[in-house]
Amino acid sequence: MTNKTLYQARDLFHHYHSKVMGEISSMLRRAKLTSVMHLAGERPTFSETARELEYFANIVKVLAPLLHLEQQAEALVPYIEAVKRLGEAIDSGCEDSLGEAIAELDQLPYI
């Protein structure tokens, strides 16, 4: 891989990483402001979006060693896991679980 290609691939990684973090931040904001009943009716669901984000994170894990971005790829894991719990809480309709998932995401930096 040439240096130019490596830099382009890293730029693309950072672009999509920012998109993922932005989507998680948006999901958290909506979860804080909307009832669990209304959130359960959103399409795509929070769980579906979390699965898409997890799919991206898994691709990143495979590519990260080639781009020398293993640490950044691994840093996505707690965010993806937390947003999956957020989706599960909404799917279950449990306000307490939703509050716990929101608190968990709130404690992560950069959200």
C-alpha atoms as a PDB file:
ATOM      1  CA  MET A   1       0.000   0.000   0.000  1.00  0.00           C
ATOM      2  CA  THR A   2       1.451   3.357  -1.002  1.00  0.00           C
ATOM      3  CA  ASN A   3       1.631   6.216   1.471  1.00  0.00           C
ATOM      4  CA  LYS A   4      -0.991   8.132  -0.510  1.00  0.00           C
ATOM      5  CA  THR A   5      -3.376   5.172  -0.427  1.00  0.00           C
ATOM      6  CA  LEU A   6      -2.731   4.683   3.284  1.00  0.00           C
ATOM      7  CA  TYR A   7      -3.525   8.336   4.020  1.00  0.00           C
ATOM      8  CA  GLN A   8      -6.687   8.163   1.897  1.00  0.00           C
ATOM      9  CA  ALA A   9      -7.813   5.006   3.680  1.00  0.00           C
ATOM     10  CA  ARG A  10      -7.130   6.583   7.076  1.00  0.00           C
ATOM     11  CA  ASP A  11      -9.069   9.697   6.089  1.00  0.00           C
ATOM     12  CA  LEU A  12     -11.969   7.516   5.042  1.00  0.00           C
ATOM     13  CA  PHE A  13     -11.760   5.624   8.342  1.00  0.00           C
ATOM     14  CA  HIS A  14     -11.866   8.886  10.316  1.00  0.00           C
ATOM     15  CA  HIS A  15     -14.774  10.136   8.218  1.00  0.00           C
ATOM     16  CA  TYR A  16     -16.864   7.025   8.945  1.00  0.00           C
ATOM     17  CA  HIS A  17     -15.723   6.919  12.569  1.00  0.00           C
ATOM     18  CA  SER A  18     -17.080  10.454  12.969  1.00  0.00           C
ATOM     19  CA  LYS A  19     -20.347   9.416  11.327  1.00  0.00           C
ATOM     20  CA  VAL A  20     -20.704   6.481  13.739  1.00  0.00           C
ATOM     21  CA  MET A  21     -20.022   8.666  16.768  1.00  0.00           C
ATOM     22  CA  GLY A  22     -22.447  11.288  15.443  1.00  0.00           C
ATOM     23  CA  GLU A  23     -25.174   8.684  14.995  1.00  0.00           C
ATOM     24  CA  ILE A  24     -24.636   7.354  18.517  1.00  0.00           C
ATOM     25  CA  SER A  25     -24.785  10.888  19.885  1.00  0.00           C
ATOM     26  CA  SER A  26     -28.022  11.495  17.972  1.00  0.00           C
ATOM     27  CA  MET A  27     -29.517   8.252  19.285  1.00  0.00           C
ATOM     28  CA  LEU A  28     -28.608   9.229  22.847  1.00  0.00           C
ATOM     29  CA  ARG A  29     -30.123  12.677  22.446  1.00  0.00           C
ATOM     30  CA  ARG A  30     -33.399  11.233  21.081  1.00  0.00           C
ATOM     31  CA  ALA A  31     -33.511   8.607  23.843  1.00  0.00           C
ATOM     32  CA  LYS A  32     -33.208  11.333  26.477  1.00  0.00           C
ATOM     33  CA  LEU A  33     -35.991  13.450  25.016  1.00  0.00           C
ATOM     34  CA  THR A  34     -38.552  10.882  23.886  1.00  0.00           C
ATOM     35  CA  SER A  35     -40.685   8.322  25.668  1.00  0.00           C
ATOM     36  CA  VAL A  36     -39.781   4.666  25.313  1.00  0.00           C
ATOM     37  CA  MET A  37     -43.165   4.032  23.676  1.00  0.00           C
ATOM     38  CA  HIS A  38     -42.461   6.601  20.946  1.00  0.00           C
ATOM     39  CA  LEU A  39     -38.869   5.384  20.510  1.00  0.00           C
ATOM     40  CA  ALA A  40     -40.154   1.842  19.979  1.00  0.00           C
ATOM     41  CA  GLY A  41     -42.092   3.064  16.961  1.00  0.00           C
ATOM     42  CA  GLU A  42     -39.135   4.627  15.181  1.00  0.00           C
ATOM     43  CA  ARG A  43     -37.986   3.104  11.900  1.00  0.00           C
ATOM     44  CA  PRO A  44     -35.335   1.978  11.568  1.00  0.00           C
ATOM     45  CA  THR A  45     -35.439   0.830  15.162  1.00  0.00           C
ATOM     46  CA  PHE A  46     -32.634   1.617  17.548  1.00  0.00           C
ATOM     47  CA  SER A  47     -31.717  -2.075  17.529  1.00  0.00           C
ATOM     48  CA  GLU A  48     -31.528  -2.133  13.730  1.00  0.00           C
ATOM     49  CA  THR A  49     -29.303   0.932  13.721  1.00  0.00           C
ATOM     50  CA  ALA A  50     -27.125  -0.590  16.451  1.00  0.00           C
ATOM     51  CA  ARG A  51     -26.686  -3.726  14.307  1.00  0.00           C
ATOM     52  CA  GLU A  52     -25.612  -1.578  11.351  1.00  0.00           C
ATOM     53  CA  LEU A  53     -23.102   0.256  13.542  1.00  0.00           C
ATOM     54  CA  GLU A  54     -21.804  -3.063  14.858  1.00  0.00           C
ATOM     55  CA  TYR A  55     -21.425  -4.316  11.277  1.00  0.00           C
ATOM     56  CA  PHE A  56     -19.308  -1.256  10.466  1.00  0.00           C
ATOM     57  CA  ALA A  57     -17.233  -1.717  13.623  1.00  0.00           C
ATOM     58  CA  ASN A  58     -16.539  -5.338  12.660  1.00  0.00           C
ATOM     59  CA  ILE A  59     -15.320  -4.259   9.224  1.00  0.00           C
ATOM     60  CA  VAL A  60     -13.115  -1.645  10.856  1.00  0.00           C
ATOM     61  CA  LYS A  61     -11.595  -4.283  13.170  1.00  0.00           C
ATOM     62  CA  VAL A  62     -10.521  -6.301  10.139  1.00  0.00           C
ATOM     63  CA  LEU A  63      -9.054  -3.305   8.314  1.00  0.00           C
ATOM     64  CA  ALA A  64      -7.504  -1.569  11.332  1.00  0.00           C
ATOM     65  CA  PRO A  65      -4.226  -3.541  11.342  1.00  0.00           C
ATOM     66  CA  LEU A  66      -3.635  -2.606   7.696  1.00  0.00           C
ATOM     67  CA  LEU A  67      -4.157   1.060   8.535  1.00  0.00           C
ATOM     68  CA  HIS A  68      -2.330   0.968  11.865  1.00  0.00           C
ATOM     69  CA  LEU A  69      -5.533   2.089  13.611  1.00  0.00           C
ATOM     70  CA  GLU A  70      -6.121  -0.823  15.962  1.00  0.00           C
ATOM     71  CA  GLN A  71      -6.523   1.407  19.010  1.00  0.00           C
ATOM     72  CA  GLN A  72      -9.134   3.607  17.336  1.00  0.00           C
ATOM     73  CA  ALA A  73     -11.041   0.573  16.093  1.00  0.00           C
ATOM     74  CA  GLU A  74     -11.020  -1.018  19.543  1.00  0.00           C
ATOM     75  CA  ALA A  75     -12.225   2.261  21.068  1.00  0.00           C
ATOM     76  CA  LEU A  76     -15.535   1.852  19.193  1.00  0.00           C
ATOM     77  CA  VAL A  77     -16.403  -1.337  21.089  1.00  0.00           C
ATOM     78  CA  PRO A  78     -17.813   0.214  24.307  1.00  0.00           C
ATOM     79  CA  TYR A  79     -19.934   2.652  22.288  1.00  0.00           C
ATOM     80  CA  ILE A  80     -21.355  -0.090  20.093  1.00  0.00           C
ATOM     81  CA  GLU A  81     -22.081  -2.320  23.089  1.00  0.00           C
ATOM     82  CA  ALA A  82     -23.782   0.552  24.933  1.00  0.00           C
ATOM     83  CA  VAL A  83     -25.938   1.507  21.954  1.00  0.00           C
ATOM     84  CA  LYS A  84     -26.960  -2.141  21.547  1.00  0.00           C
ATOM     85  CA  ARG A  85     -28.160  -2.092  25.175  1.00  0.00           C
ATOM     86  CA  LEU A  86     -30.031   1.120  24.407  1.00  0.00           C
ATOM     87  CA  GLY A  87     -31.833  -0.649  21.563  1.00  0.00           C
ATOM     88  CA  GLU A  88     -32.596  -3.665  23.753  1.00  0.00           C
ATOM     89  CA  ALA A  89     -34.041  -1.401  26.443  1.00  0.00           C
ATOM     90  CA  ILE A  90     -36.295   0.306  23.917  1.00  0.00           C
ATOM     91  CA  ASP A  91     -37.360  -3.037  22.442  1.00  0.00           C
ATOM     92  CA  SER A  92     -38.286  -4.278  25.918  1.00  0.00           C
ATOM     93  CA  GLY A  93     -40.234  -1.104  26.707  1.00  0.00           C
ATOM     94  CA  CYS A  94     -38.566  -0.882  30.107  1.00  0.00           C
ATOM     95  CA  GLU A  95     -38.050   2.710  31.275  1.00  0.00           C
ATOM     96  CA  ASP A  96     -35.575   1.574  33.975  1.00  0.00           C
ATOM     97  CA  SER A  97     -33.416  -0.290  31.444  1.00  0.00           C
ATOM     98  CA  LEU A  98     -33.597   2.716  29.138  1.00  0.00           C
ATOM     99  CA  GLY A  99     -32.418   4.994  31.953  1.00  0.00           C
ATOM    100  CA  GLU A 100     -29.505   2.659  32.695  1.00  0.00           C
ATOM    101  CA  ALA A 101     -28.504   2.528  29.017  1.00  0.00           C
ATOM    102  CA  ILE A 102     -28.680   6.317  28.752  1.00  0.00           C
ATOM    103  CA  ALA A 103     -26.526   6.675  31.867  1.00  0.00           C
ATOM    104  CA  GLU A 104     -23.995   4.228  30.443  1.00  0.00           C
ATOM    105  CA  LEU A 105     -23.704   6.181  27.194  1.00  0.00           C
ATOM    106  CA  ASP A 106     -23.550   9.468  29.097  1.00  0.00           C
ATOM    107  CA  GLN A 107     -20.478   8.259  30.970  1.00  0.00           C
ATOM    108  CA  LEU A 108     -18.517   7.537  27.790  1.00  0.00           C
ATOM    109  CA  PRO A 109     -16.301  10.390  26.594  1.00  0.00           C
ATOM    110  CA  TYR A 110     -16.937  12.232  23.307  1.00  0.00           C
ATOM    111  CA  ILE A 111     -20.700  11.714  23.289  1.00  0.00           C
END
